[in-house]
């Protein structure tokens, strides 16, 4: 269990523990404080572990990042943002090419239909 050595923290503990009450009540308060501190430490540790796992998963998603490379969380997020931007640009470019291709096909089929009408009339 972590020990808080701040003078303010220690003073608050003393004030809390030594308010007028029975020894049984003081023991109960102390146990409650220790449980609360241990629970918050455990929760914090669990949250840190979950965040670490998320960063590891992000790192695996970016193709050019080596999973064994050590980098800060900020650097990792910057790489992820760059990768997402590249994916968006590629998607937009692909959609533009598909639009141009479908327009070209429509014009070709329209032109072909016009030729067959001319052929029929001769």
C-alpha atoms as a PDB file:
ATOM      1  CA  UNK A   1       0.000   0.000   0.000  1.00  0.00           C
ATOM      2  CA  UNK A   2       1.256   3.453  -0.875  1.00  0.00           C
ATOM      3  CA  UNK A   3       2.155   5.806   1.926  1.00  0.00           C
ATOM      4  CA  UNK A   4       1.191   9.458   1.587  1.00  0.00           C
ATOM      5  CA  UNK A   5       3.863  11.501   3.326  1.00  0.00           C
ATOM      6  CA  UNK A   6       2.425  14.946   2.708  1.00  0.00           C
ATOM      7  CA  UNK A   7       2.145  16.931   5.956  1.00  0.00           C
ATOM      8  CA  UNK A   8      -1.305  18.173   4.989  1.00  0.00           C
ATOM      9  CA  UNK A   9      -2.481  14.625   4.360  1.00  0.00           C
ATOM     10  CA  UNK A  10      -1.051  13.422   7.676  1.00  0.00           C
ATOM     11  CA  UNK A  11      -2.695  16.333   9.497  1.00  0.00           C
ATOM     12  CA  UNK A  12      -6.075  15.551   7.967  1.00  0.00           C
ATOM     13  CA  UNK A  13      -5.756  11.918   8.988  1.00  0.00           C
ATOM     14  CA  UNK A  14      -4.987  12.938  12.555  1.00  0.00           C
ATOM     15  CA  UNK A  15      -7.905  15.375  12.653  1.00  0.00           C
ATOM     16  CA  UNK A  16     -10.253  12.777  11.216  1.00  0.00           C
ATOM     17  CA  UNK A  17      -9.097  10.005  13.507  1.00  0.00           C
ATOM     18  CA  UNK A  18      -9.059  12.038  16.690  1.00  0.00           C
ATOM     19  CA  UNK A  19     -12.432  13.666  16.521  1.00  0.00           C
ATOM     20  CA  UNK A  20     -14.290  12.982  19.729  1.00  0.00           C
ATOM     21  CA  UNK A  21     -15.450   9.396  19.450  1.00  0.00           C
ATOM     22  CA  UNK A  22     -14.959   5.992  20.967  1.00  0.00           C
ATOM     23  CA  UNK A  23     -11.847   3.870  20.298  1.00  0.00           C
ATOM     24  CA  UNK A  24     -14.055   1.481  18.367  1.00  0.00           C
ATOM     25  CA  UNK A  25     -15.265   4.328  16.121  1.00  0.00           C
ATOM     26  CA  UNK A  26     -11.656   5.491  15.596  1.00  0.00           C
ATOM     27  CA  UNK A  27     -10.604   1.978  14.576  1.00  0.00           C
ATOM     28  CA  UNK A  28     -13.568   1.776  12.193  1.00  0.00           C
ATOM     29  CA  UNK A  29     -12.674   5.151  10.619  1.00  0.00           C
ATOM     30  CA  UNK A  30      -9.050   4.091  10.208  1.00  0.00           C
ATOM     31  CA  UNK A  31     -10.062   0.821   8.548  1.00  0.00           C
ATOM     32  CA  UNK A  32     -12.414   2.707   6.220  1.00  0.00           C
ATOM     33  CA  UNK A  33      -9.654   5.146   5.254  1.00  0.00           C
ATOM     34  CA  UNK A  34      -7.195   2.342   4.531  1.00  0.00           C
ATOM     35  CA  UNK A  35      -9.774   0.470   2.442  1.00  0.00           C
ATOM     36  CA  UNK A  36     -10.659   3.609   0.484  1.00  0.00           C
ATOM     37  CA  UNK A  37      -6.986   4.390  -0.175  1.00  0.00           C
ATOM     38  CA  UNK A  38      -6.271   0.801  -1.247  1.00  0.00           C
ATOM     39  CA  UNK A  39      -9.360   0.759  -3.497  1.00  0.00           C
ATOM     40  CA  UNK A  40      -8.435   4.038  -5.183  1.00  0.00           C
ATOM     41  CA  UNK A  41      -4.886   2.806  -5.718  1.00  0.00           C
ATOM     42  CA  UNK A  42      -6.186  -0.428  -7.215  1.00  0.00           C
ATOM     43  CA  UNK A  43      -8.628   1.447  -9.446  1.00  0.00           C
ATOM     44  CA  UNK A  44      -5.852   3.743 -10.587  1.00  0.00           C
ATOM     45  CA  UNK A  45      -3.598   0.782 -11.360  1.00  0.00           C
ATOM     46  CA  UNK A  46      -6.380  -0.925 -13.324  1.00  0.00           C
ATOM     47  CA  UNK A  47      -7.048   2.268 -15.308  1.00  0.00           C
ATOM     48  CA  UNK A  48      -3.336   2.654 -16.085  1.00  0.00           C
ATOM     49  CA  UNK A  49      -3.118  -0.952 -17.247  1.00  0.00           C
ATOM     50  CA  UNK A  50      -6.192  -0.510 -19.458  1.00  0.00           C
ATOM     51  CA  UNK A  51      -4.753   2.657 -21.006  1.00  0.00           C
ATOM     52  CA  UNK A  52      -1.436   0.903 -21.621  1.00  0.00           C
ATOM     53  CA  UNK A  53      -3.261  -1.932 -23.383  1.00  0.00           C
ATOM     54  CA  UNK A  54      -5.107   0.585 -25.581  1.00  0.00           C
ATOM     55  CA  UNK A  55      -1.848   2.288 -26.559  1.00  0.00           C
ATOM     56  CA  UNK A  56      -0.308  -1.094 -27.429  1.00  0.00           C
ATOM     57  CA  UNK A  57      -3.294  -1.916 -29.641  1.00  0.00           C
ATOM     58  CA  UNK A  58      -3.019   1.462 -31.380  1.00  0.00           C
ATOM     59  CA  UNK A  59       0.674   0.917 -31.997  1.00  0.00           C
ATOM     60  CA  UNK A  60      -0.058  -2.423 -33.686  1.00  0.00           C
ATOM     61  CA  UNK A  61      -2.588  -0.782 -36.038  1.00  0.00           C
ATOM     62  CA  UNK A  62      -0.104   1.626 -37.636  1.00  0.00           C
ATOM     63  CA  UNK A  63       1.863  -0.388 -40.224  1.00  0.00           C
ATOM     64  CA  UNK A  64       5.162   1.491 -40.068  1.00  0.00           C
ATOM     65  CA  UNK A  65       5.457   1.450 -36.270  1.00  0.00           C
ATOM     66  CA  UNK A  66       7.503  -1.342 -34.784  1.00  0.00           C
ATOM     67  CA  UNK A  67       5.796  -2.831 -31.774  1.00  0.00           C
ATOM     68  CA  UNK A  68       9.146  -3.151 -30.017  1.00  0.00           C
ATOM     69  CA  UNK A  69       9.936   0.554 -30.528  1.00  0.00           C
ATOM     70  CA  UNK A  70       9.760   2.674 -27.416  1.00  0.00           C
ATOM     71  CA  UNK A  71       7.975   5.992 -27.791  1.00  0.00           C
ATOM     72  CA  UNK A  72       5.925   8.297 -25.664  1.00  0.00           C
ATOM     73  CA  UNK A  73       2.146   8.138 -25.672  1.00  0.00           C
ATOM     74  CA  UNK A  74       2.044  11.582 -27.310  1.00  0.00           C
ATOM     75  CA  UNK A  75       4.339  10.420 -30.134  1.00  0.00           C
ATOM     76  CA  UNK A  76       2.184   7.344 -30.643  1.00  0.00           C
ATOM     77  CA  UNK A  77      -0.970   9.451 -30.866  1.00  0.00           C
ATOM     78  CA  UNK A  78       0.730  11.759 -33.381  1.00  0.00           C
ATOM     79  CA  UNK A  79       1.617   8.749 -35.575  1.00  0.00           C
ATOM     80  CA  UNK A  80      -1.932   7.407 -35.305  1.00  0.00           C
ATOM     81  CA  UNK A  81      -3.344  10.806 -36.353  1.00  0.00           C
ATOM     82  CA  UNK A  82      -0.971  10.914 -39.360  1.00  0.00           C
ATOM     83  CA  UNK A  83      -2.027   7.406 -40.360  1.00  0.00           C
ATOM     84  CA  UNK A  84      -5.733   8.245 -40.133  1.00  0.00           C
ATOM     85  CA  UNK A  85      -5.156  11.363 -42.254  1.00  0.00           C
ATOM     86  CA  UNK A  86      -3.364   9.269 -44.891  1.00  0.00           C
ATOM     87  CA  UNK A  87      -6.227   6.772 -44.917  1.00  0.00           C
ATOM     88  CA  UNK A  88      -8.748   9.606 -45.346  1.00  0.00           C
ATOM     89  CA  UNK A  89      -6.749  11.076 -48.246  1.00  0.00           C
ATOM     90  CA  UNK A  90      -6.490   7.659 -49.913  1.00  0.00           C
ATOM     91  CA  UNK A  91     -10.221   7.075 -49.500  1.00  0.00           C
ATOM     92  CA  UNK A  92     -11.073  10.499 -50.932  1.00  0.00           C
ATOM     93  CA  UNK A  93      -8.728   9.924 -53.894  1.00  0.00           C
ATOM     94  CA  UNK A  94     -10.237   6.483 -54.553  1.00  0.00           C
ATOM     95  CA  UNK A  95     -13.773   7.903 -54.437  1.00  0.00           C
ATOM     96  CA  UNK A  96     -12.786  10.643 -56.904  1.00  0.00           C
ATOM     97  CA  UNK A  97     -11.294   8.064 -59.264  1.00  0.00           C
ATOM     98  CA  UNK A  98     -14.452   5.941 -59.040  1.00  0.00           C
ATOM     99  CA  UNK A  99     -16.600   9.015 -59.806  1.00  0.00           C
ATOM    100  CA  UNK A 100     -14.449   9.871 -62.835  1.00  0.00           C
ATOM    101  CA  UNK A 101     -14.543   6.265 -63.999  1.00  0.00           C
ATOM    102  CA  UNK A 102     -18.335   6.007 -63.697  1.00  0.00           C
ATOM    103  CA  UNK A 103     -18.771   9.367 -65.493  1.00  0.00           C
ATOM    104  CA  UNK A 104     -16.485   8.127 -68.264  1.00  0.00           C
ATOM    105  CA  UNK A 105     -18.426   4.876 -68.575  1.00  0.00           C
ATOM    106  CA  UNK A 106     -21.711   6.783 -68.722  1.00  0.00           C
ATOM    107  CA  UNK A 107     -20.365   9.015 -71.485  1.00  0.00           C
ATOM    108  CA  UNK A 108     -19.032   5.999 -73.411  1.00  0.00           C
ATOM    109  CA  UNK A 109     -22.324   4.110 -73.180  1.00  0.00           C
ATOM    110  CA  UNK A 110     -24.223   7.270 -74.142  1.00  0.00           C
ATOM    111  CA  UNK A 111     -21.921   7.750 -77.128  1.00  0.00           C
ATOM    112  CA  UNK A 112     -22.289   4.095 -78.107  1.00  0.00           C
ATOM    113  CA  UNK A 113     -26.064   4.351 -77.886  1.00  0.00           C
ATOM    114  CA  UNK A 114     -25.948   7.432 -80.137  1.00  0.00           C
ATOM    115  CA  UNK A 115     -23.879   5.554 -82.748  1.00  0.00           C
ATOM    116  CA  UNK A 116     -26.266   2.620 -82.875  1.00  0.00           C
ATOM    117  CA  UNK A 117     -29.208   5.024 -83.449  1.00  0.00           C
ATOM    118  CA  UNK A 118     -27.302   6.591 -86.353  1.00  0.00           C
ATOM    119  CA  UNK A 119     -26.482   3.149 -87.770  1.00  0.00           C
ATOM    120  CA  UNK A 120     -30.147   2.127 -87.666  1.00  0.00           C
ATOM    121  CA  UNK A 121     -31.345   5.257 -89.499  1.00  0.00           C
ATOM    122  CA  UNK A 122     -29.006   4.813 -92.524  1.00  0.00           C
END
